[in-house]
Amino acid sequence: MSDEFIRVKNLTKRFGDVTALNNVNLSIGRGEIYGLMGKSGAGKSVLMHAIRGSTEYKPDEGQVIFRLLVCSDCMWVEPIGTSHSCPRCQGEMEQKDVDYWNAEKELFKAIRSRISIMLQRSFSLFGDKSTIENVLEAINDPNMSESEKAEFAMNLLEKVDMTHRTTHIARDLSGGEKQRVVLARQLAKKPMLLLADEPTGTLDPKSADTVHNMLTHKADNEGLTVITASHWPDVIRDISHRGAWLEAGEVVEEGGPKEITEEFIKVKGPTAPREVEFEDTIVKVEDVKKYFYSVKRGVVKAVDGVSLELDEKEIFGLVGWSGSGKTTLARMISGITEPEEGTVEVRIGDDWIDMSKKGPNGKGRATPHLEILHQEHSLHPYSTIFENLSTAIGTKLPEEFVRIKAKETLEGLGMKESRVESILDSRPRSLSVGEDQRVALAQVLMKEPTLNILDEPAGTLDPVTKADVAEAIVSAREELGATFLIISHDRDFILDTCDRACLMSNGKVVVSGDPKKVVDRLVEEKEVQV
């Protein structure tokens, strides 16, 4: 390990009666990529927020100690082992071991300003501004000229493979593209510490490789310290120098990435879906097109002549790289986005509804029967879990029925009965990100819709929870007769849940049919592009 930069000492954090972290001890070096491994709810996110200095995560016991050089003139801070001259004002810097949570207010703020964080499924961008504007606004170095800032921003976008989207408005980017812009924004702040909570959980493999390479380059060549949390053994093993395995808020093991991932990978996957006899066609898409316009690239063919059909009780997968057109196609099927050419029809009862027609006899008749779990979903933060779920199913029903339905749905998604009882009357902030995902999925499943559209439903779930969700989707199909359209780049999840799938690339369907054939083609495309 290089010079020690951060020491976590006897750290304990409780939320009510729940102990999220219990006597955690860690040591992290400057320029090190330190991996936090563990299932959903293990305490990874809580630990990262405690290290960041998030107010709601102030430890009940223990310390977070930063070994720093502090400028007494301008209060600039740098990790120990760097220059003793302040890069901001050229003043002398003094070495200090800072007890972060007990530091003076000004020093606490100075440290926190040098810490960047990427949260799971968080796409914190200015939606009405372009990609390049989002990155430029994150640069806060007063010593840089405007031209230097522009060059720096473009360099960051190049490293995250987003130079082809520099003028695009942020809200029009795909989820994977937004995540890469978020990374560029965080690095534009020139942090001394980057906290990356599942930074690639919702990304396709090619985009994930881009992000991993970027983090490795910053750590190895620029001395950036990175703490990354993941439930994916390959991620921890491939990019971390060292790490720790957390379970139920405690450190099970600390050491090399190979050692801490060996036990975690011994996870049994979900049972393969049973053979199902599909019923009549329920969705028909015929030669749909949707184009967008970019100053730099001209016409962008987001969806370009796609045709497909979904049968009732089928689980169909839309697979492809970030920006391939998957989400745009799903938005047209749901009636949110209108195609420029072609038709989308959804069968409700015996009637076919044209989703391009507005009004109660058009898509207005179909939308109550369609549900979407967005990649950027969120629960209402000030309502309890039960209130979030009861609002989804309809508050006119008896509360006793809704509570039973909520419990059955959450347990079907892999939550233990005792945990369900403990969270129903709690607010979403008490949930881990994996639990948050399951509650959001429960909101969709509780309505028993005709068509469920799930955008990356397993993107940030650990293997155990992902298996539970896969089985819950298959079970919901069998018990409710529901049809699922699943947007995902998770190869195992597609194989475990889908009956058929199609691979999209540059707005077109390049292969469809057997999920294994589709997934194999996805891997081939990655190998060619990478």
Protein backbone atom coordinates (compact mmCIF):
# COMPACT_ATOMS: atom_id res chain seq x y z
CA MET A 1 0.00 0.00 0.00
CA SER A 2 1.16 3.57 -0.74
CA ASP A 3 1.10 6.32 1.90
CA GLU A 4 -1.95 5.88 4.11
CA PHE A 5 -4.57 8.47 3.16
CA ILE A 6 -7.76 7.39 4.95
CA ARG A 7 -8.26 5.39 8.11
CA VAL A 8 -11.71 4.23 9.17
CA LYS A 9 -11.55 3.42 12.87
CA ASN A 10 -14.20 1.53 14.88
CA LEU A 11 -16.99 3.06 12.78
CA THR A 12 -20.59 2.28 13.78
CA LYS A 13 -23.76 3.74 12.25
CA ARG A 14 -27.34 2.97 13.27
CA PHE A 15 -30.68 3.90 11.76
CA GLY A 16 -33.20 3.43 14.54
CA ASP A 17 -32.96 -0.19 15.64
CA VAL A 18 -31.00 -1.22 12.53
CA THR A 19 -27.18 -1.29 12.76
CA ALA A 20 -25.98 -0.46 9.24
CA LEU A 21 -22.25 -0.47 10.15
CA ASN A 22 -20.75 -2.25 13.13
CA ASN A 23 -17.19 -1.45 14.28
CA VAL A 24 -15.71 -1.11 10.79
CA ASN A 25 -11.92 -0.67 10.47
CA LEU A 26 -10.18 0.03 7.15
CA SER A 27 -6.98 1.62 5.84
CA ILE A 28 -6.81 3.13 2.33
CA GLY A 29 -3.71 4.42 0.55
CA ARG A 30 -3.25 7.47 -1.68
CA GLY A 31 -3.68 6.59 -5.36
CA GLU A 32 -5.29 3.28 -4.47
CA ILE A 33 -8.47 1.81 -5.94
CA TYR A 34 -10.13 0.23 -2.94
CA GLY A 35 -13.06 -2.10 -3.58
CA LEU A 36 -16.00 -2.63 -1.24
CA MET A 37 -17.64 -5.99 -1.92
CA GLY A 38 -20.98 -7.17 -0.57
CA LYS A 39 -24.60 -7.99 -1.23
CA SER A 40 -27.37 -5.41 -1.33
CA GLY A 41 -27.85 -4.06 2.20
CA ALA A 42 -24.36 -5.05 3.38
CA GLY A 43 -23.47 -1.46 4.30
CA LYS A 44 -21.32 -0.43 1.32
CA SER A 45 -23.29 2.71 0.46
CA VAL A 46 -23.60 3.75 4.12
CA LEU A 47 -19.83 3.47 4.58
CA MET A 48 -19.16 5.56 1.47
CA HIS A 49 -21.53 8.30 2.65
CA ALA A 50 -19.86 8.31 6.08
CA ILE A 51 -16.47 8.77 4.40
CA ARG A 52 -17.89 11.50 2.17
CA GLY A 53 -19.34 13.47 5.07
CA SER A 54 -23.04 13.22 4.21
CA THR A 55 -24.92 14.75 7.15
CA GLU A 56 -27.47 11.95 7.51
CA TYR A 57 -24.65 9.40 7.83
CA LYS A 58 -22.73 10.92 10.72
CA PRO A 59 -21.30 7.95 12.67
CA ASP A 60 -22.74 7.08 16.07
CA GLU A 61 -19.29 5.83 17.09
CA GLY A 62 -15.80 5.78 15.60
CA GLN A 63 -13.77 8.03 13.32
CA VAL A 64 -12.90 8.77 9.71
CA ILE A 65 -9.32 10.11 9.69
CA PHE A 66 -7.77 11.86 6.67
CA ARG A 67 -3.97 12.27 6.49
CA LEU A 68 -3.60 15.61 4.72
CA LEU A 69 -1.52 18.61 3.83
CA VAL A 70 -3.49 21.74 4.77
CA CYS A 71 -2.75 25.28 3.57
CA SER A 72 -3.21 27.68 6.48
CA ASP A 73 -3.59 30.62 4.08
CA CYS A 74 -6.42 29.43 1.79
CA MET A 75 -7.47 26.16 3.51
CA TRP A 76 -6.72 24.06 0.41
CA VAL A 77 -6.19 20.38 1.21
CA GLU A 78 -4.16 17.68 -0.55
CA PRO A 79 -3.39 14.05 0.33
CA ILE A 80 -0.16 13.46 2.21
CA GLY A 81 2.73 12.61 -0.08
CA THR A 82 2.04 15.38 -2.61
CA SER A 83 3.77 18.76 -2.96
CA HIS A 84 4.32 20.83 0.20
CA SER A 85 3.53 23.99 -1.78
CA CYS A 86 -0.15 24.92 -2.11
CA PRO A 87 -1.24 24.59 -5.77
CA ARG A 88 -3.79 27.38 -5.26
CA CYS A 89 -1.88 30.18 -3.47
CA GLN A 90 1.70 28.77 -3.34
CA GLY A 91 1.61 28.99 0.46
CA GLU A 92 3.16 26.46 2.83
CA MET A 93 1.15 23.35 3.64
CA GLU A 94 1.13 21.67 7.04
CA GLN A 95 0.76 17.93 7.57
CA LYS A 96 -2.27 16.99 9.70
CA ASP A 97 -4.21 13.89 10.68
CA VAL A 98 -7.79 15.19 10.60
CA ASP A 99 -10.62 13.55 12.54
CA TYR A 100 -13.13 14.41 9.81
CA TRP A 101 -16.43 14.37 11.69
CA ASN A 102 -14.94 16.33 14.60
CA ALA A 103 -13.01 18.84 12.48
CA GLU A 104 -13.66 22.59 12.51
CA LYS A 105 -16.46 23.60 10.16
CA GLU A 106 -14.17 25.37 7.66
CA LEU A 107 -11.78 22.42 7.43
CA PHE A 108 -14.67 19.94 7.15
CA LYS A 109 -16.06 21.92 4.20
CA ALA A 110 -12.60 22.13 2.59
CA ILE A 111 -12.18 18.35 2.75
CA ARG A 112 -15.69 17.61 1.51
CA SER A 113 -15.19 19.94 -1.46
CA ARG A 114 -12.30 17.70 -2.59
CA ILE A 115 -14.45 14.55 -2.56
CA SER A 116 -16.56 13.56 -5.58
CA ILE A 117 -19.22 10.87 -5.53
CA MET A 118 -21.07 8.80 -8.14
CA LEU A 119 -24.23 7.23 -6.76
CA GLN A 120 -26.08 4.18 -8.04
CA ARG A 121 -28.72 5.00 -10.64
CA SER A 122 -28.12 8.70 -10.09
CA PHE A 123 -28.02 10.80 -13.27
CA SER A 124 -27.44 14.21 -11.68
CA LEU A 125 -27.15 16.43 -14.74
CA PHE A 126 -28.62 19.75 -15.86
CA GLY A 127 -31.28 18.27 -18.15
CA ASP A 128 -31.74 21.37 -20.32
CA LYS A 129 -28.01 21.88 -20.93
CA SER A 130 -25.71 20.12 -23.35
CA THR A 131 -23.20 17.44 -22.45
CA ILE A 132 -20.22 19.79 -22.76
CA GLU A 133 -21.98 22.50 -20.71
CA ASN A 134 -22.62 20.01 -17.93
CA VAL A 135 -18.93 19.18 -17.72
CA LEU A 136 -17.76 22.80 -18.03
CA GLU A 137 -19.97 23.89 -15.13
CA ALA A 138 -18.33 21.32 -12.86
CA ILE A 139 -14.83 22.79 -13.36
CA ASN A 140 -13.96 25.01 -10.40
CA ASP A 141 -10.24 25.67 -10.90
CA PRO A 142 -9.72 29.48 -10.80
CA ASN A 143 -6.26 29.10 -12.34
CA MET A 144 -7.64 27.71 -15.62
CA SER A 145 -8.48 29.98 -18.55
CA GLU A 146 -11.69 29.46 -20.54
CA SER A 147 -9.79 27.76 -23.37
CA GLU A 148 -8.01 25.48 -20.88
CA LYS A 149 -11.36 24.57 -19.34
CA ALA A 150 -12.79 23.71 -22.76
CA GLU A 151 -9.77 21.56 -23.61
CA PHE A 152 -9.93 19.84 -20.21
CA ALA A 153 -13.67 19.12 -20.60
CA MET A 154 -13.24 17.68 -24.09
CA ASN A 155 -10.37 15.51 -22.86
CA LEU A 156 -12.58 14.07 -20.13
CA LEU A 157 -15.41 13.40 -22.58
CA GLU A 158 -12.96 11.68 -24.90
CA LYS A 159 -11.81 9.39 -22.09
CA VAL A 160 -15.41 8.35 -21.34
CA ASP A 161 -16.19 7.96 -25.07
CA MET A 162 -18.75 10.78 -25.24
CA THR A 163 -17.27 13.22 -27.77
CA HIS A 164 -19.99 12.19 -30.24
CA ARG A 165 -22.63 13.61 -27.87
CA THR A 166 -21.02 16.92 -26.84
CA THR A 167 -23.86 19.13 -28.10
CA HIS A 168 -26.72 16.79 -27.17
CA ILE A 169 -29.10 17.97 -24.46
CA ALA A 170 -28.53 15.86 -21.34
CA ARG A 171 -32.14 14.75 -20.96
CA ASP A 172 -32.00 13.13 -24.42
CA LEU A 173 -29.05 10.88 -23.55
CA SER A 174 -29.50 7.20 -22.76
CA GLY A 175 -28.99 6.02 -19.18
CA GLY A 176 -25.53 4.66 -19.93
CA GLU A 177 -24.49 7.88 -21.64
CA LYS A 178 -25.73 9.96 -18.72
CA GLN A 179 -23.71 7.82 -16.32
CA ARG A 180 -20.52 8.47 -18.30
CA VAL A 181 -21.20 12.22 -18.35
CA VAL A 182 -21.74 12.11 -14.58
CA LEU A 183 -18.29 10.49 -14.24
CA ALA A 184 -16.74 13.20 -16.43
CA ARG A 185 -18.42 15.88 -14.27
CA GLN A 186 -17.10 14.38 -11.05
CA LEU A 187 -13.56 14.13 -12.43
CA ALA A 188 -13.80 17.71 -13.75
CA LYS A 189 -13.78 18.82 -10.11
CA LYS A 190 -10.24 17.40 -9.78
CA PRO A 191 -11.06 15.52 -6.57
CA MET A 192 -8.51 13.95 -4.25
CA LEU A 193 -11.02 11.16 -3.56
CA LEU A 194 -13.67 9.66 -5.84
CA LEU A 195 -16.41 7.54 -4.30
CA ALA A 196 -17.97 5.36 -6.99
CA ASP A 197 -21.02 3.42 -5.80
CA GLU A 198 -21.75 0.75 -8.44
CA PRO A 199 -20.38 3.06 -11.18
CA THR A 200 -21.01 0.54 -13.95
CA GLY A 201 -24.01 -1.38 -12.61
CA THR A 202 -26.39 -0.02 -15.28
CA LEU A 203 -23.83 0.13 -18.11
CA ASP A 204 -23.39 -2.30 -20.97
CA PRO A 205 -20.05 -4.20 -21.01
CA LYS A 206 -18.37 -1.88 -23.52
CA SER A 207 -19.29 1.26 -21.57
CA ALA A 208 -18.27 -0.46 -18.32
CA ASP A 209 -14.82 -1.19 -19.77
CA THR A 210 -14.48 2.49 -20.71
CA VAL A 211 -15.29 3.60 -17.15
CA HIS A 212 -12.99 0.98 -15.57
CA ASN A 213 -10.10 2.03 -17.81
CA MET A 214 -10.70 5.68 -16.91
CA LEU A 215 -10.63 4.98 -13.16
CA THR A 216 -7.50 2.84 -13.45
CA HIS A 217 -5.72 5.53 -15.48
CA LYS A 218 -6.60 8.26 -12.96
CA ALA A 219 -5.38 6.18 -10.02
CA ASP A 220 -2.19 4.84 -11.59
CA ASN A 221 -1.10 8.01 -13.40
CA GLU A 222 -2.58 10.92 -11.45
CA GLY A 223 -2.69 9.59 -7.90
CA LEU A 224 -6.48 9.77 -7.56
CA THR A 225 -7.78 7.66 -4.70
CA VAL A 226 -10.91 5.71 -5.63
CA ILE A 227 -13.25 3.81 -3.34
CA THR A 228 -15.66 1.75 -5.42
CA ALA A 229 -18.53 -0.36 -4.16
CA SER A 230 -19.80 -3.31 -6.16
CA HIS A 231 -21.46 -6.67 -5.80
CA TRP A 232 -19.77 -7.85 -9.01
CA PRO A 233 -16.68 -9.97 -8.25
CA ASP A 234 -15.17 -9.30 -11.69
CA VAL A 235 -15.29 -5.53 -11.14
CA ILE A 236 -13.56 -5.71 -7.76
CA ARG A 237 -11.02 -8.23 -9.00
CA ASP A 238 -10.18 -6.40 -12.24
CA ILE A 239 -9.74 -2.79 -11.07
CA SER A 240 -9.07 -2.84 -7.32
CA HIS A 241 -5.65 -2.88 -5.68
CA ARG A 242 -7.15 -4.00 -2.38
CA GLY A 243 -10.59 -4.26 -0.86
CA ALA A 244 -12.93 -5.44 1.85
CA TRP A 245 -15.92 -7.77 1.92
CA LEU A 246 -18.84 -6.42 3.97
CA GLU A 247 -21.69 -8.53 5.30
CA ALA A 248 -24.48 -7.17 7.52
CA GLY A 249 -22.46 -4.03 8.25
CA GLU A 250 -19.27 -5.81 9.30
CA VAL A 251 -15.95 -6.43 7.55
CA VAL A 252 -15.72 -10.15 6.85
CA GLU A 253 -12.33 -9.96 5.14
CA GLU A 254 -9.86 -7.31 3.98
CA GLY A 255 -7.00 -7.86 1.57
CA GLY A 256 -6.26 -8.56 -2.09
CA PRO A 257 -9.20 -8.52 -4.52
CA LYS A 258 -8.75 -12.18 -5.47
CA GLU A 259 -9.03 -13.32 -1.87
CA ILE A 260 -12.12 -11.28 -0.98
CA THR A 261 -14.09 -12.37 -4.07
CA GLU A 262 -13.47 -16.13 -3.93
CA GLU A 263 -16.35 -16.94 -1.58
CA PHE A 264 -18.73 -14.35 -2.97
CA ILE A 265 -18.78 -15.85 -6.47
CA LYS A 266 -20.16 -19.15 -5.19
CA VAL A 267 -23.73 -18.01 -5.77
CA LYS A 268 -26.31 -20.24 -7.33
CA GLY A 269 -28.23 -18.59 -10.14
CA PRO A 270 -31.99 -18.66 -10.58
CA THR A 271 -33.90 -21.66 -11.81
CA ALA A 272 -34.35 -21.60 -15.57
CA PRO A 273 -37.81 -20.51 -16.72
CA ARG A 274 -40.25 -23.32 -17.41
CA GLU A 275 -41.63 -23.89 -20.88
CA VAL A 276 -44.66 -21.67 -21.42
CA GLU A 277 -47.31 -21.79 -24.08
CA PHE A 278 -47.74 -18.26 -25.35
CA GLU A 279 -51.14 -16.89 -26.23
CA ASP A 280 -52.10 -14.51 -29.01
CA THR A 281 -49.97 -11.55 -30.06
CA ILE A 282 -50.36 -8.58 -27.70
CA VAL A 283 -47.94 -6.00 -29.19
CA LYS A 284 -47.24 -5.32 -32.88
CA VAL A 285 -44.48 -2.95 -34.01
CA GLU A 286 -44.18 -2.40 -37.75
CA ASP A 287 -41.33 -0.50 -39.41
CA VAL A 288 -41.14 2.25 -36.78
CA LYS A 289 -38.66 5.09 -37.08
CA LYS A 290 -37.64 7.88 -34.73
CA TYR A 291 -34.99 10.43 -35.68
CA PHE A 292 -33.36 13.17 -33.64
CA TYR A 293 -31.27 16.08 -34.88
CA SER A 294 -27.79 17.07 -33.72
CA VAL A 295 -25.78 20.11 -34.73
CA LYS A 296 -22.60 18.02 -34.86
CA ARG A 297 -23.90 14.74 -36.27
CA GLY A 298 -26.96 15.82 -38.22
CA VAL A 299 -29.74 13.22 -38.26
CA VAL A 300 -29.44 10.64 -35.47
CA LYS A 301 -31.47 7.53 -36.29
CA ALA A 302 -32.41 6.42 -32.77
CA VAL A 303 -34.83 3.80 -34.13
CA ASP A 304 -34.59 2.99 -37.82
CA GLY A 305 -37.17 0.65 -39.32
CA VAL A 306 -37.79 -1.78 -36.45
CA SER A 307 -40.50 -4.46 -36.58
CA LEU A 308 -41.32 -7.00 -33.87
CA GLU A 309 -44.19 -8.76 -32.11
CA LEU A 310 -44.71 -9.76 -28.48
CA ASP A 311 -47.05 -12.56 -27.50
CA GLU A 312 -49.22 -12.57 -24.40
CA LYS A 313 -47.42 -14.11 -21.38
CA GLU A 314 -44.03 -13.73 -23.11
CA ILE A 315 -40.88 -12.28 -21.53
CA PHE A 316 -39.06 -10.48 -24.33
CA GLY A 317 -35.61 -8.91 -24.02
CA LEU A 318 -34.32 -5.77 -25.74
CA VAL A 319 -30.53 -6.02 -25.74
CA GLY A 320 -27.85 -3.62 -26.98
CA TRP A 321 -25.10 -1.17 -26.19
CA SER A 322 -25.79 2.16 -24.55
CA GLY A 323 -27.43 4.45 -27.12
CA SER A 324 -28.49 1.61 -29.42
CA GLY A 325 -32.16 2.67 -29.39
CA LYS A 326 -33.60 0.24 -26.82
CA THR A 327 -35.18 2.83 -24.54
CA THR A 328 -36.53 4.94 -27.41
CA LEU A 329 -38.26 1.86 -28.86
CA ALA A 330 -39.76 1.02 -25.47
CA ARG A 331 -41.04 4.61 -25.11
CA MET A 332 -42.80 4.28 -28.47
CA ILE A 333 -44.41 0.99 -27.43
CA SER A 334 -45.68 2.63 -24.24
CA GLY A 335 -47.02 5.68 -26.09
CA ILE A 336 -44.67 8.19 -24.46
CA THR A 337 -42.79 8.90 -27.70
CA GLU A 338 -44.53 9.03 -31.08
CA PRO A 339 -42.86 7.34 -34.07
CA GLU A 340 -42.19 9.45 -37.13
CA GLU A 341 -43.06 6.52 -39.37
CA GLY A 342 -44.56 3.09 -38.81
CA THR A 343 -47.16 1.81 -36.35
CA VAL A 344 -47.26 0.53 -32.78
CA GLU A 345 -50.37 -1.37 -31.68
CA VAL A 346 -51.23 -2.88 -28.30
CA ARG A 347 -54.13 -5.30 -27.80
CA ILE A 348 -56.47 -4.53 -24.91
CA GLY A 349 -59.11 -7.25 -24.66
CA ASP A 350 -60.16 -7.92 -28.24
CA ASP A 351 -59.34 -4.42 -29.49
CA TRP A 352 -56.10 -3.23 -31.07
CA ILE A 353 -55.07 0.25 -29.90
CA ASP A 354 -52.94 2.48 -32.14
CA MET A 355 -50.45 4.02 -29.68
CA SER A 356 -49.90 7.04 -31.95
CA LYS A 357 -53.52 8.15 -31.58
CA LYS A 358 -54.41 10.33 -28.62
CA GLY A 359 -57.62 10.37 -26.60
CA PRO A 360 -59.75 7.88 -24.66
CA ASN A 361 -60.19 5.63 -27.69
CA GLY A 362 -56.51 5.81 -28.57
CA LYS A 363 -53.50 5.32 -26.36
CA GLY A 364 -55.47 6.77 -23.44
CA ARG A 365 -57.34 3.49 -23.32
CA ALA A 366 -54.15 1.41 -23.28
CA THR A 367 -51.90 3.34 -20.91
CA PRO A 368 -53.69 2.24 -17.68
CA HIS A 369 -52.75 -1.32 -18.67
CA LEU A 370 -49.06 -0.52 -19.27
CA GLU A 371 -46.47 -0.05 -16.55
CA ILE A 372 -42.86 1.11 -16.86
CA LEU A 373 -40.06 0.73 -14.34
CA HIS A 374 -37.67 3.43 -15.49
CA GLN A 375 -33.91 3.17 -15.13
CA GLU A 376 -34.10 6.51 -13.29
CA HIS A 377 -36.94 5.49 -10.97
CA SER A 378 -37.33 6.99 -7.53
CA LEU A 379 -39.58 6.44 -4.52
CA HIS A 380 -41.29 9.37 -2.79
CA PRO A 381 -38.73 10.19 -0.08
CA TYR A 382 -41.18 11.53 2.51
CA SER A 383 -43.70 8.68 2.26
CA THR A 384 -43.31 5.32 3.96
CA ILE A 385 -42.66 2.19 1.91
CA PHE A 386 -46.25 1.12 2.50
CA GLU A 387 -47.53 4.52 1.36
CA ASN A 388 -45.40 4.29 -1.79
CA LEU A 389 -46.87 0.87 -2.54
CA SER A 390 -50.47 1.69 -1.58
CA THR A 391 -50.40 4.74 -3.85
CA ALA A 392 -49.29 2.48 -6.68
CA ILE A 393 -52.08 -0.06 -6.23
CA GLY A 394 -54.85 2.39 -5.37
CA THR A 395 -55.75 3.77 -1.96
CA LYS A 396 -59.49 3.08 -2.41
CA LEU A 397 -58.89 -0.59 -1.64
CA PRO A 398 -59.04 -1.75 2.01
CA GLU A 399 -55.75 -1.10 3.79
CA GLU A 400 -55.61 -4.68 5.08
CA PHE A 401 -55.74 -6.02 1.52
CA VAL A 402 -53.08 -3.60 0.29
CA ARG A 403 -50.77 -4.50 3.19
CA ILE A 404 -51.12 -8.23 2.48
CA LYS A 405 -50.51 -7.61 -1.23
CA ALA A 406 -47.45 -5.49 -0.46
CA LYS A 407 -45.97 -8.16 1.81
CA GLU A 408 -46.56 -10.96 -0.69
CA THR A 409 -45.03 -8.97 -3.53
CA LEU A 410 -41.90 -7.94 -1.61
CA GLU A 411 -41.38 -11.47 -0.28
CA GLY A 412 -41.76 -12.74 -3.84
CA LEU A 413 -38.93 -10.41 -4.81
CA GLY A 414 -36.56 -12.01 -2.32
CA MET A 415 -37.06 -10.00 0.87
CA LYS A 416 -37.27 -11.92 4.13
CA GLU A 417 -40.56 -11.67 5.99
CA SER A 418 -38.90 -10.02 8.99
CA ARG A 419 -37.25 -7.39 6.78
CA VAL A 420 -40.54 -6.65 5.02
CA GLU A 421 -42.23 -6.08 8.38
CA SER A 422 -39.44 -3.74 9.49
CA ILE A 423 -39.43 -1.51 6.39
CA LEU A 424 -43.12 -1.12 5.49
CA ASP A 425 -43.60 1.78 7.88
CA SER A 426 -40.12 3.24 7.27
CA ARG A 427 -39.06 5.80 4.68
CA PRO A 428 -36.96 4.99 1.59
CA ARG A 429 -33.76 6.43 3.12
CA SER A 430 -33.60 3.32 5.34
CA LEU A 431 -33.30 1.05 2.28
CA SER A 432 -30.18 -0.14 0.56
CA VAL A 433 -30.09 0.56 -3.18
CA GLY A 434 -30.91 -3.07 -3.93
CA GLU A 435 -33.92 -2.93 -1.62
CA ASP A 436 -34.99 0.34 -3.22
CA GLN A 437 -34.93 -1.42 -6.60
CA ARG A 438 -37.10 -4.25 -5.32
CA VAL A 439 -39.67 -1.85 -3.85
CA ALA A 440 -39.81 0.02 -7.17
CA LEU A 441 -40.35 -3.27 -9.00
CA ALA A 442 -43.05 -4.16 -6.47
CA GLN A 443 -44.85 -0.91 -7.37
CA VAL A 444 -45.09 -2.16 -10.94
CA LEU A 445 -46.02 -5.77 -10.18
CA MET A 446 -48.70 -4.86 -7.61
CA LYS A 447 -50.81 -3.22 -10.33
CA GLU A 448 -50.98 -6.51 -12.28
CA PRO A 449 -50.67 -4.73 -15.66
CA THR A 450 -51.11 -6.30 -19.06
CA LEU A 451 -47.65 -5.23 -20.23
CA ASN A 452 -44.70 -4.53 -17.94
CA ILE A 453 -41.77 -2.60 -19.41
CA LEU A 454 -38.69 -2.90 -17.20
CA ASP A 455 -35.67 -0.70 -18.01
CA GLU A 456 -32.53 -2.35 -16.54
CA PRO A 457 -34.39 -4.03 -13.65
CA ALA A 458 -31.26 -5.84 -12.42
CA GLY A 459 -28.65 -3.21 -13.22
CA THR A 460 -27.30 -2.67 -9.69
CA LEU A 461 -28.44 -5.81 -7.88
CA ASP A 462 -26.06 -8.33 -6.36
CA PRO A 463 -26.16 -11.89 -7.80
CA VAL A 464 -28.38 -13.26 -5.04
CA THR A 465 -30.95 -10.47 -5.29
CA LYS A 466 -30.75 -10.53 -9.09
CA ALA A 467 -31.63 -14.23 -9.01
CA ASP A 468 -34.61 -13.46 -6.75
CA VAL A 469 -35.82 -10.72 -9.10
CA ALA A 470 -35.44 -12.99 -12.14
CA GLU A 471 -37.49 -15.69 -10.43
CA ALA A 472 -40.07 -13.11 -9.33
CA ILE A 473 -40.53 -11.91 -12.92
CA VAL A 474 -41.00 -15.47 -14.16
CA SER A 475 -43.39 -16.17 -11.28
CA ALA A 476 -45.38 -13.00 -12.01
CA ARG A 477 -45.77 -14.12 -15.62
CA GLU A 478 -47.06 -17.52 -14.52
CA GLU A 479 -49.36 -16.26 -11.74
CA LEU A 480 -50.66 -13.04 -13.32
CA GLY A 481 -50.42 -13.90 -17.01
CA ALA A 482 -48.42 -10.70 -17.52
CA THR A 483 -46.26 -9.89 -20.51
CA PHE A 484 -42.79 -8.42 -19.91
CA LEU A 485 -40.55 -6.32 -22.12
CA ILE A 486 -37.13 -6.20 -20.44
CA ILE A 487 -34.49 -3.69 -21.50
CA SER A 488 -31.12 -4.95 -20.32
CA HIS A 489 -27.48 -5.51 -21.18
CA ASP A 490 -27.09 -8.03 -18.34
CA ARG A 491 -26.38 -11.18 -20.29
CA ASP A 492 -27.11 -13.62 -17.47
CA PHE A 493 -30.35 -11.85 -16.58
CA ILE A 494 -31.56 -12.03 -20.19
CA LEU A 495 -30.75 -15.75 -20.35
CA ASP A 496 -32.44 -16.43 -17.00
CA THR A 497 -35.68 -14.57 -17.72
CA CYS A 498 -36.36 -14.12 -21.42
CA ASP A 499 -38.11 -16.45 -23.85
CA ARG A 500 -36.99 -14.43 -26.86
CA ALA A 501 -34.79 -11.39 -27.37
CA CYS A 502 -33.47 -9.04 -30.02
CA LEU A 503 -30.19 -7.16 -30.31
CA MET A 504 -30.32 -3.51 -31.36
CA SER A 505 -27.42 -1.58 -32.85
CA ASN A 506 -27.55 1.93 -34.33
CA GLY A 507 -31.33 1.91 -34.15
CA LYS A 508 -31.80 -1.37 -36.01
CA VAL A 509 -32.55 -4.95 -34.95
CA VAL A 510 -29.51 -6.97 -36.07
CA VAL A 511 -30.52 -10.37 -34.68
CA SER A 512 -33.59 -11.74 -32.88
CA GLY A 513 -34.90 -15.01 -31.52
CA ASP A 514 -33.18 -17.34 -29.07
CA PRO A 515 -31.72 -15.30 -26.16
CA LYS A 516 -28.43 -17.23 -26.23
CA LYS A 517 -27.93 -16.40 -29.90
CA VAL A 518 -28.62 -12.74 -29.16
CA VAL A 519 -26.28 -12.64 -26.15
CA ASP A 520 -23.50 -14.40 -28.07
CA ARG A 521 -23.79 -11.80 -30.83
CA LEU A 522 -23.59 -9.02 -28.22
CA VAL A 523 -20.32 -10.52 -26.93
CA GLU A 524 -18.97 -10.78 -30.49
CA GLU A 525 -19.73 -7.11 -31.12
CA LYS A 526 -17.94 -6.15 -27.91
CA GLU A 527 -14.84 -8.11 -28.93
CA VAL A 528 -14.81 -6.43 -32.35
CA GLN A 529 -15.31 -2.90 -30.95
CA VAL A 530 -12.93 -3.26 -28.00
